[in-house]
Structure formats: structure tokens, C-alpha cells
Amino acid sequence: FSGRPGLFMNVEFTRASLGNLDTQLFWEFFQGFANHAKVTLH
């Protein structure tokens, strides 16, 4: 909880979707969280 937003995500999903959710959208979720909680997230 640094006050400096940053997302560093190293994940290679083995499927393109889970249910009706595109796995690329996990990055979007965590990017939105990191930017607005103002956290550095690995």
C-alpha cells in the first residue's frame, strides 16, 4: 500500500476463457484495482 500504483502480472493462462469470462480480463481487473487503491501489486 505504497501510494504508487503499479501492476506487475506474470500469468500465462492455459485457456482463453473460464465460463463467460475472457482470462485477459483478469489483468484489467487488477490494473483497475492497483490504480485506484494506489498499491504496487505483483
All heavy atoms as atom14 arrays in JSON, in Angstrom:
{
  "sequence": "FSGRPGLFMNVEFTRASLGNLDTQLFWEFFQGFANHAKVTLH",
  "atom14_mask": [
    [1, 1, 1, 1, 1, 1, 1, 1, 1, 1, 1, 0, 0, 0],
    [1, 1, 1, 1, 1, 1, 0, 0, 0, 0, 0, 0, 0, 0],
    [1, 1, 1, 1, 0, 0, 0, 0, 0, 0, 0, 0, 0, 0],
    [1, 1, 1, 1, 1, 1, 1, 1, 1, 1, 1, 0, 0, 0],
    [1, 1, 1, 1, 1, 1, 1, 0, 0, 0, 0, 0, 0, 0],
    [1, 1, 1, 1, 0, 0, 0, 0, 0, 0, 0, 0, 0, 0],
    [1, 1, 1, 1, 1, 1, 1, 1, 0, 0, 0, 0, 0, 0],
    [1, 1, 1, 1, 1, 1, 1, 1, 1, 1, 1, 0, 0, 0],
    [1, 1, 1, 1, 1, 1, 1, 1, 0, 0, 0, 0, 0, 0],
    [1, 1, 1, 1, 1, 1, 1, 1, 0, 0, 0, 0, 0, 0],
    [1, 1, 1, 1, 1, 1, 1, 0, 0, 0, 0, 0, 0, 0],
    [1, 1, 1, 1, 1, 1, 1, 1, 1, 0, 0, 0, 0, 0],
    [1, 1, 1, 1, 1, 1, 1, 1, 1, 1, 1, 0, 0, 0],
    [1, 1, 1, 1, 1, 1, 1, 0, 0, 0, 0, 0, 0, 0],
    [1, 1, 1, 1, 1, 1, 1, 1, 1, 1, 1, 0, 0, 0],
    [1, 1, 1, 1, 1, 0, 0, 0, 0, 0, 0, 0, 0, 0],
    [1, 1, 1, 1, 1, 1, 0, 0, 0, 0, 0, 0, 0, 0],
    [1, 1, 1, 1, 1, 1, 1, 1, 0, 0, 0, 0, 0, 0],
    [1, 1, 1, 1, 0, 0, 0, 0, 0, 0, 0, 0, 0, 0],
    [1, 1, 1, 1, 1, 1, 1, 1, 0, 0, 0, 0, 0, 0],
    [1, 1, 1, 1, 1, 1, 1, 1, 0, 0, 0, 0, 0, 0],
    [1, 1, 1, 1, 1, 1, 1, 1, 0, 0, 0, 0, 0, 0],
    [1, 1, 1, 1, 1, 1, 1, 0, 0, 0, 0, 0, 0, 0],
    [1, 1, 1, 1, 1, 1, 1, 1, 1, 0, 0, 0, 0, 0],
    [1, 1, 1, 1, 1, 1, 1, 1, 0, 0, 0, 0, 0, 0],
    [1, 1, 1, 1, 1, 1, 1, 1, 1, 1, 1, 0, 0, 0],
    [1, 1, 1, 1, 1, 1, 1, 1, 1, 1, 1, 1, 1, 1],
    [1, 1, 1, 1, 1, 1, 1, 1, 1, 0, 0, 0, 0, 0],
    [1, 1, 1, 1, 1, 1, 1, 1, 1, 1, 1, 0, 0, 0],
    [1, 1, 1, 1, 1, 1, 1, 1, 1, 1, 1, 0, 0, 0],
    [1, 1, 1, 1, 1, 1, 1, 1, 1, 0, 0, 0, 0, 0],
    [1, 1, 1, 1, 0, 0, 0, 0, 0, 0, 0, 0, 0, 0],
    [1, 1, 1, 1, 1, 1, 1, 1, 1, 1, 1, 0, 0, 0],
    [1, 1, 1, 1, 1, 0, 0, 0, 0, 0, 0, 0, 0, 0],
    [1, 1, 1, 1, 1, 1, 1, 1, 0, 0, 0, 0, 0, 0],
    [1, 1, 1, 1, 1, 1, 1, 1, 1, 1, 0, 0, 0, 0],
    [1, 1, 1, 1, 1, 0, 0, 0, 0, 0, 0, 0, 0, 0],
    [1, 1, 1, 1, 1, 1, 1, 1, 1, 0, 0, 0, 0, 0],
    [1, 1, 1, 1, 1, 1, 1, 0, 0, 0, 0, 0, 0, 0],
    [1, 1, 1, 1, 1, 1, 1, 0, 0, 0, 0, 0, 0, 0],
    [1, 1, 1, 1, 1, 1, 1, 1, 0, 0, 0, 0, 0, 0],
    [1, 1, 1, 1, 1, 1, 1, 1, 1, 1, 0, 0, 0, 0]
  ],
  "atom14_positions": [
    [[0.85, -1.19, 0.0], [0.0, 0.0, 0.0], [0.89, 1.24, 0.0], [0.93, 2.02, 0.94], [-0.95, -0.03, 1.19], [-2.19, -0.84, 0.94], [-2.17, -2.22, 1.06], [-3.37, -0.24, 0.53], [-3.29, -2.99, 0.8], [-4.51, -0.99, 0.27], [-4.47, -2.36, 0.4], [0.0, 0.0, 0.0], [0.0, 0.0, 0.0], [0.0, 0.0, 0.0]],
    [[1.59, 1.41, -1.09], [2.69, 2.38, -1.22], [2.23, 3.77, -1.62], [2.98, 4.72, -1.49], [3.66, 1.88, -2.29], [2.99, 1.77, -3.55], [0.0, 0.0, 0.0], [0.0, 0.0, 0.0], [0.0, 0.0, 0.0], [0.0, 0.0, 0.0], [0.0, 0.0, 0.0], [0.0, 0.0, 0.0], [0.0, 0.0, 0.0], [0.0, 0.0, 0.0]],
    [[1.01, 3.88, -2.16], [0.59, 5.14, -2.75], [1.08, 5.3, -4.18], [0.78, 6.29, -4.83], [0.0, 0.0, 0.0], [0.0, 0.0, 0.0], [0.0, 0.0, 0.0], [0.0, 0.0, 0.0], [0.0, 0.0, 0.0], [0.0, 0.0, 0.0], [0.0, 0.0, 0.0], [0.0, 0.0, 0.0], [0.0, 0.0, 0.0], [0.0, 0.0, 0.0]],
    [[1.83, 4.31, -4.67], [2.36, 4.34, -6.04], [1.75, 3.19, -6.83], [2.16, 2.04, -6.68], [3.89, 4.23, -6.03], [4.57, 5.4, -5.33], [6.09, 5.29, -5.4], [6.59, 4.06, -4.84], [6.76, 3.83, -3.53], [6.44, 4.76, -2.64], [7.25, 2.67, -3.11], [0.0, 0.0, 0.0], [0.0, 0.0, 0.0], [0.0, 0.0, 0.0]],
    [[0.77, 3.46, -7.68], [0.09, 2.39, -8.41], [1.03, 1.67, -9.37], [1.82, 2.31, -10.08], [-1.01, 3.12, -9.19], [-1.15, 4.44, -8.53], [0.19, 4.78, -7.97], [0.0, 0.0, 0.0], [0.0, 0.0, 0.0], [0.0, 0.0, 0.0], [0.0, 0.0, 0.0], [0.0, 0.0, 0.0], [0.0, 0.0, 0.0], [0.0, 0.0, 0.0]],
    [[0.95, 0.36, -9.36], [1.72, -0.42, -10.32], [1.28, -1.86, -10.3], [1.1, -2.44, -9.22], [0.0, 0.0, 0.0], [0.0, 0.0, 0.0], [0.0, 0.0, 0.0], [0.0, 0.0, 0.0], [0.0, 0.0, 0.0], [0.0, 0.0, 0.0], [0.0, 0.0, 0.0], [0.0, 0.0, 0.0], [0.0, 0.0, 0.0], [0.0, 0.0, 0.0]],
    [[1.07, -2.43, -11.49], [0.71, -3.84, -11.61], [1.8, -4.55, -12.41], [2.15, -4.12, -13.52], [-0.64, -4.01, -12.31], [-1.03, -5.46, -12.63], [-1.22, -6.28, -11.36], [-2.29, -5.5, -13.5], [0.0, 0.0, 0.0], [0.0, 0.0, 0.0], [0.0, 0.0, 0.0], [0.0, 0.0, 0.0], [0.0, 0.0, 0.0], [0.0, 0.0, 0.0]],
    [[2.32, -5.63, -11.84], [3.33, -6.45, -12.49], [2.82, -7.88, -12.43], [2.91, -8.54, -11.4], [4.69, -6.28, -11.79], [5.09, -4.83, -11.71], [4.74, -4.07, -10.6], [5.76, -4.22, -12.76], [5.07, -2.72, -10.53], [6.09, -2.88, -12.7], [5.74, -2.13, -11.58], [0.0, 0.0, 0.0], [0.0, 0.0, 0.0], [0.0, 0.0, 0.0]],
    [[2.23, -8.33, -13.54], [1.49, -9.59, -13.56], [2.13, -10.54, -14.56], [2.21, -10.23, -15.75], [0.02, -9.31, -13.91], [-0.9, -10.51, -13.81], [-2.62, -9.97, -13.92], [-3.47, -11.54, -13.95], [0.0, 0.0, 0.0], [0.0, 0.0, 0.0], [0.0, 0.0, 0.0], [0.0, 0.0, 0.0], [0.0, 0.0, 0.0], [0.0, 0.0, 0.0]],
    [[2.57, -11.68, -14.07], [3.21, -12.68, -14.91], [2.38, -13.96, -14.84], [2.62, -14.81, -13.98], [4.66, -12.92, -14.44], [5.38, -13.92, -15.31], [5.02, -14.14, -16.46], [6.39, -14.55, -14.75], [0.0, 0.0, 0.0], [0.0, 0.0, 0.0], [0.0, 0.0, 0.0], [0.0, 0.0, 0.0], [0.0, 0.0, 0.0], [0.0, 0.0, 0.0]],
    [[1.4, -14.05, -15.72], [0.48, -15.18, -15.73], [0.2, -15.56, -17.17], [-0.18, -14.71, -17.98], [-0.86, -14.84, -15.03], [-1.79, -16.05, -15.04], [-0.62, -14.37, -13.6], [0.0, 0.0, 0.0], [0.0, 0.0, 0.0], [0.0, 0.0, 0.0], [0.0, 0.0, 0.0], [0.0, 0.0, 0.0], [0.0, 0.0, 0.0], [0.0, 0.0, 0.0]],
    [[0.39, -16.82, -17.5], [0.03, -17.34, -18.81], [-1.07, -18.38, -18.62], [-0.79, -19.53, -18.28], [1.25, -17.95, -19.51], [2.32, -16.93, -19.86], [3.48, -17.54, -20.64], [3.34, -18.68, -21.12], [4.52, -16.87, -20.74], [0.0, 0.0, 0.0], [0.0, 0.0, 0.0], [0.0, 0.0, 0.0], [0.0, 0.0, 0.0], [0.0, 0.0, 0.0]],
    [[-2.31, -17.94, -18.8], [-3.44, -18.85, -18.62], [-3.43, -19.9, -19.73], [-3.13, -19.6, -20.89], [-4.76, -18.09, -18.61], [-5.01, -17.34, -17.33], [-4.83, -15.97, -17.26], [-5.42, -18.02, -16.19], [-5.06, -15.28, -16.08], [-5.65, -17.35, -15.01], [-5.47, -15.97, -14.95], [0.0, 0.0, 0.0], [0.0, 0.0, 0.0], [0.0, 0.0, 0.0]],
    [[-3.79, -21.11, -19.37], [-3.76, -22.21, -20.33], [-5.06, -22.31, -21.14], [-5.15, -23.12, -22.05], [-3.51, -23.54, -19.62], [-4.53, -23.76, -18.62], [-2.14, -23.53, -18.96], [0.0, 0.0, 0.0], [0.0, 0.0, 0.0], [0.0, 0.0, 0.0], [0.0, 0.0, 0.0], [0.0, 0.0, 0.0], [0.0, 0.0, 0.0], [0.0, 0.0, 0.0]],
    [[-6.05, -21.47, -20.78], [-7.29, -21.39, -21.56], [-7.63, -19.93, -21.77], [-7.28, -19.06, -20.97], [-8.44, -22.07, -20.82], [-8.38, -23.58, -20.85], [-9.49, -24.21, -20.02], [-10.81, -23.7, -20.36], [-11.9, -23.91, -19.63], [-11.82, -24.62, -18.5], [-13.06, -23.42, -20.0], [0.0, 0.0, 0.0], [0.0, 0.0, 0.0], [0.0, 0.0, 0.0]],
    [[-8.34, -19.65, -22.86], [-8.7, -18.27, -23.2], [-9.9, -17.78, -22.41], [-10.09, -16.56, -22.28], [-8.98, -18.16, -24.69], [0.0, 0.0, 0.0], [0.0, 0.0, 0.0], [0.0, 0.0, 0.0], [0.0, 0.0, 0.0], [0.0, 0.0, 0.0], [0.0, 0.0, 0.0], [0.0, 0.0, 0.0], [0.0, 0.0, 0.0], [0.0, 0.0, 0.0]],
    [[-10.71, -18.69, -21.88], [-11.89, -18.25, -21.14], [-12.23, -19.25, -20.05], [-11.89, -20.43, -20.13], [-13.09, -18.06, -22.07], [-13.45, -19.29, -22.68], [0.0, 0.0, 0.0], [0.0, 0.0, 0.0], [0.0, 0.0, 0.0], [0.0, 0.0, 0.0], [0.0, 0.0, 0.0], [0.0, 0.0, 0.0], [0.0, 0.0, 0.0], [0.0, 0.0, 0.0]],
    [[-12.89, -18.73, -19.02], [-13.4, -19.54, -17.91], [-14.85, -19.13, -17.73], [-15.15, -17.99, -17.38], [-12.59, -19.27, -16.64], [-11.16, -19.83, -16.67], [-10.31, -19.15, -15.61], [-11.18, -21.34, -16.46], [0.0, 0.0, 0.0], [0.0, 0.0, 0.0], [0.0, 0.0, 0.0], [0.0, 0.0, 0.0], [0.0, 0.0, 0.0], [0.0, 0.0, 0.0]],
    [[-15.76, -20.06, -17.98], [-17.17, -19.67, -18.03], [-17.35, -18.65, -19.14], [-16.88, -18.84, -20.27], [0.0, 0.0, 0.0], [0.0, 0.0, 0.0], [0.0, 0.0, 0.0], [0.0, 0.0, 0.0], [0.0, 0.0, 0.0], [0.0, 0.0, 0.0], [0.0, 0.0, 0.0], [0.0, 0.0, 0.0], [0.0, 0.0, 0.0], [0.0, 0.0, 0.0]],
    [[-18.0, -17.53, -18.8], [-18.19, -16.46, -19.79], [-17.16, -15.35, -19.63], [-17.37, -14.23, -20.08], [-19.6, -15.89, -19.69], [-19.89, -15.23, -18.34], [-19.17, -15.47, -17.37], [-20.94, -14.42, -18.28], [0.0, 0.0, 0.0], [0.0, 0.0, 0.0], [0.0, 0.0, 0.0], [0.0, 0.0, 0.0], [0.0, 0.0, 0.0], [0.0, 0.0, 0.0]],
    [[-16.03, -15.67, -19.0], [-15.03, -14.64, -18.69], [-13.74, -14.89, -19.49], [-13.1, -15.94, -19.34], [-14.73, -14.65, -17.19], [-13.71, -13.65, -16.68], [-14.13, -12.22, -17.0], [-13.5, -13.81, -15.18], [0.0, 0.0, 0.0], [0.0, 0.0, 0.0], [0.0, 0.0, 0.0], [0.0, 0.0, 0.0], [0.0, 0.0, 0.0], [0.0, 0.0, 0.0]],
    [[-13.35, -13.93, -20.3], [-12.09, -13.94, -21.02], [-10.96, -13.79, -19.99], [-10.96, -12.84, -19.21], [-12.09, -12.78, -22.02], [-10.85, -12.72, -22.89], [-9.8, -13.28, -22.5], [-10.93, -12.07, -23.95], [0.0, 0.0, 0.0], [0.0, 0.0, 0.0], [0.0, 0.0, 0.0], [0.0, 0.0, 0.0], [0.0, 0.0, 0.0], [0.0, 0.0, 0.0]],
    [[-10.0, -14.7, -19.99], [-8.95, -14.65, -18.99], [-8.07, -13.39, -19.12], [-7.41, -13.01, -18.16], [-8.06, -15.91, -19.03], [-7.58, -16.1, -20.37], [-8.84, -17.14, -18.59], [0.0, 0.0, 0.0], [0.0, 0.0, 0.0], [0.0, 0.0, 0.0], [0.0, 0.0, 0.0], [0.0, 0.0, 0.0], [0.0, 0.0, 0.0], [0.0, 0.0, 0.0]],
    [[-8.07, -12.73, -20.29], [-7.34, -11.47, -20.42], [-7.9, -10.39, -19.49], [-7.19, -9.46, -19.12], [-7.41, -10.96, -21.86], [-6.61, -11.78, -22.85], [-6.67, -11.17, -24.24], [-7.65, -10.51, -24.6], [-5.64, -11.4, -25.02], [0.0, 0.0, 0.0], [0.0, 0.0, 0.0], [0.0, 0.0, 0.0], [0.0, 0.0, 0.0], [0.0, 0.0, 0.0]],
    [[-9.16, -10.55, -19.1], [-9.81, -9.52, -18.28], [-9.34, -9.53, -16.83], [-9.56, -8.55, -16.11], [-11.33, -9.65, -18.35], [-11.93, -9.42, -19.75], [-13.44, -9.53, -19.69], [-11.51, -8.08, -20.32], [0.0, 0.0, 0.0], [0.0, 0.0, 0.0], [0.0, 0.0, 0.0], [0.0, 0.0, 0.0], [0.0, 0.0, 0.0], [0.0, 0.0, 0.0]],
    [[-8.68, -10.59, -16.4], [-8.12, -10.56, -15.04], [-7.1, -9.44, -14.92], [-7.03, -8.76, -13.9], [-7.49, -11.91, -14.69], [-8.48, -13.02, -14.5], [-8.38, -14.18, -15.25], [-9.5, -12.91, -13.57], [-9.3, -15.21, -15.08], [-10.42, -13.92, -13.39], [-10.31, -15.08, -14.15], [0.0, 0.0, 0.0], [0.0, 0.0, 0.0], [0.0, 0.0, 0.0]],
    [[-6.3, -9.24, -15.97], [-5.33, -8.13, -15.95], [-6.06, -6.81, -15.82], [-5.63, -5.93, -15.05], [-4.48, -8.15, -17.22], [-3.33, -7.19, -17.18], [-2.07, -7.43, -16.76], [-3.36, -5.8, -17.56], [-1.29, -6.29, -16.84], [-2.06, -5.28, -17.33], [-4.35, -4.95, -18.06], [-1.73, -3.96, -17.59], [-4.02, -3.63, -18.32], [-2.72, -3.15, -18.08]],
    [[-7.17, -6.62, -16.53], [-7.94, -5.38, -16.45], [-8.47, -5.15, -15.04], [-8.46, -4.02, -14.53], [-9.1, -5.39, -17.45], [-8.69, -5.55, -18.9], [-7.95, -4.35, -19.44], [-8.01, -3.27, -18.83], [-7.3, -4.49, -20.5], [0.0, 0.0, 0.0], [0.0, 0.0, 0.0], [0.0, 0.0, 0.0], [0.0, 0.0, 0.0], [0.0, 0.0, 0.0]],
    [[-8.95, -6.22, -14.4], [-9.46, -6.1, -13.04], [-8.36, -5.63, -12.09], [-8.53, -4.67, -11.34], [-10.04, -7.44, -12.55], [-10.38, -7.45, -11.09], [-11.6, -6.96, -10.66], [-9.47, -7.92, -10.15], [-11.92, -6.94, -9.3], [-9.78, -7.91, -8.8], [-11.0, -7.41, -8.38], [0.0, 0.0, 0.0], [0.0, 0.0, 0.0], [0.0, 0.0, 0.0]],
    [[-7.23, -6.31, -12.14], [-6.15, -5.98, -11.2], [-5.52, -4.62, -11.52], [-5.09, -3.91, -10.61], [-5.1, -7.09, -11.17], [-5.54, -8.32, -10.46], [-5.69, -9.52, -11.13], [-5.82, -8.29, -9.09], [-6.1, -10.67, -10.47], [-6.23, -9.42, -8.41], [-6.38, -10.62, -9.1], [0.0, 0.0, 0.0], [0.0, 0.0, 0.0], [0.0, 0.0, 0.0]],
    [[-5.49, -4.25, -12.8], [-4.98, -2.92, -13.15], [-5.88, -1.83, -12.58], [-5.41, -0.84, -12.02], [-4.9, -2.77, -14.67], [-4.35, -1.43, -15.15], [-2.87, -1.3, -14.88], [-2.06, -1.94, -15.52], [-2.5, -0.48, -13.93], [0.0, 0.0, 0.0], [0.0, 0.0, 0.0], [0.0, 0.0, 0.0], [0.0, 0.0, 0.0], [0.0, 0.0, 0.0]],
    [[-7.2, -2.02, -12.72], [-8.14, -1.06, -12.14], [-7.99, -0.97, -10.63], [-8.0, 0.12, -10.06], [0.0, 0.0, 0.0], [0.0, 0.0, 0.0], [0.0, 0.0, 0.0], [0.0, 0.0, 0.0], [0.0, 0.0, 0.0], [0.0, 0.0, 0.0], [0.0, 0.0, 0.0], [0.0, 0.0, 0.0], [0.0, 0.0, 0.0], [0.0, 0.0, 0.0]],
    [[-7.84, -2.12, -9.97], [-7.68, -2.13, -8.52], [-6.4, -1.41, -8.12], [-6.41, -0.54, -7.24], [-7.68, -3.55, -7.98], [-7.57, -3.61, -6.48], [-8.71, -3.59, -5.7], [-6.33, -3.65, -5.85], [-8.62, -3.61, -4.31], [-6.23, -3.67, -4.47], [-7.38, -3.64, -3.7], [0.0, 0.0, 0.0], [0.0, 0.0, 0.0], [0.0, 0.0, 0.0]],
    [[-5.28, -1.77, -8.74], [-3.98, -1.19, -8.36], [-3.98, 0.32, -8.56], [-3.49, 1.07, -7.7], [-2.86, -1.84, -9.17], [0.0, 0.0, 0.0], [0.0, 0.0, 0.0], [0.0, 0.0, 0.0], [0.0, 0.0, 0.0], [0.0, 0.0, 0.0], [0.0, 0.0, 0.0], [0.0, 0.0, 0.0], [0.0, 0.0, 0.0], [0.0, 0.0, 0.0]],
    [[-4.53, 0.78, -9.67], [-4.53, 2.22, -9.96], [-5.33, 3.0, -8.93], [-4.95, 4.12, -8.57], [-5.1, 2.48, -11.35], [-4.11, 2.17, -12.45], [-2.92, 2.0, -12.21], [-4.61, 2.07, -13.68], [0.0, 0.0, 0.0], [0.0, 0.0, 0.0], [0.0, 0.0, 0.0], [0.0, 0.0, 0.0], [0.0, 0.0, 0.0], [0.0, 0.0, 0.0]],
    [[-6.45, 2.44, -8.47], [-7.36, 3.22, -7.64], [-7.2, 2.95, -6.14], [-7.55, 3.81, -5.33], [-8.79, 3.02, -8.12], [-9.01, 3.64, -9.47], [-9.41, 4.94, -9.63], [-8.8, 3.16, -10.72], [-9.47, 5.24, -10.91], [-9.1, 4.17, -11.59], [0.0, 0.0, 0.0], [0.0, 0.0, 0.0], [0.0, 0.0, 0.0], [0.0, 0.0, 0.0]],
    [[-6.64, 1.79, -5.77], [-6.26, 1.57, -4.37], [-4.88, 2.17, -4.13], [-4.44, 2.28, -2.99], [-6.24, 0.09, -4.04], [0.0, 0.0, 0.0], [0.0, 0.0, 0.0], [0.0, 0.0, 0.0], [0.0, 0.0, 0.0], [0.0, 0.0, 0.0], [0.0, 0.0, 0.0], [0.0, 0.0, 0.0], [0.0, 0.0, 0.0], [0.0, 0.0, 0.0]],
    [[-4.18, 2.53, -5.2], [-2.83, 3.1, -5.15], [-1.86, 2.14, -4.45], [-1.18, 2.5, -3.5], [-2.84, 4.47, -4.49], [-3.68, 5.48, -5.28], [-3.67, 6.86, -4.67], [-4.51, 7.8, -5.51], [-4.59, 9.15, -4.92], [0.0, 0.0, 0.0], [0.0, 0.0, 0.0], [0.0, 0.0, 0.0], [0.0, 0.0, 0.0], [0.0, 0.0, 0.0]],
    [[-1.83, 0.92, -5.01], [-0.95, -0.11, -4.48], [0.01, -0.57, -5.57], [-0.27, -0.47, -6.76], [-1.73, -1.33, -3.95], [-2.65, -0.94, -2.81], [-2.52, -2.02, -5.06], [0.0, 0.0, 0.0], [0.0, 0.0, 0.0], [0.0, 0.0, 0.0], [0.0, 0.0, 0.0], [0.0, 0.0, 0.0], [0.0, 0.0, 0.0], [0.0, 0.0, 0.0]],
    [[1.15, -1.08, -5.12], [2.04, -1.83, -6.0], [1.68, -3.3, -5.84], [1.62, -3.8, -4.71], [3.51, -1.61, -5.62], [3.78, -0.2, -5.66], [4.43, -2.33, -6.59], [0.0, 0.0, 0.0], [0.0, 0.0, 0.0], [0.0, 0.0, 0.0], [0.0, 0.0, 0.0], [0.0, 0.0, 0.0], [0.0, 0.0, 0.0], [0.0, 0.0, 0.0]],
    [[1.41, -3.97, -6.97], [0.86, -5.32, -6.92], [1.63, -6.22, -7.87], [1.71, -5.96, -9.06], [-0.62, -5.27, -7.31], [-1.43, -6.55, -7.29], [-1.44, -7.19, -5.91], [-2.86, -6.26, -7.75], [0.0, 0.0, 0.0], [0.0, 0.0, 0.0], [0.0, 0.0, 0.0], [0.0, 0.0, 0.0], [0.0, 0.0, 0.0], [0.0, 0.0, 0.0]],
    [[2.24, -7.26, -7.3], [2.96, -8.26, -8.09], [2.18, -9.57, -8.03], [1.88, -10.07, -6.93], [4.37, -8.49, -7.53], [5.3, -7.34, -7.76], [6.25, -7.36, -8.76], [5.41, -6.15, -7.15], [6.93, -6.22, -8.73], [6.44, -5.47, -7.76], [0.0, 0.0, 0.0], [0.0, 0.0, 0.0], [0.0, 0.0, 0.0], [0.0, 0.0, 0.0]]
  ]
}
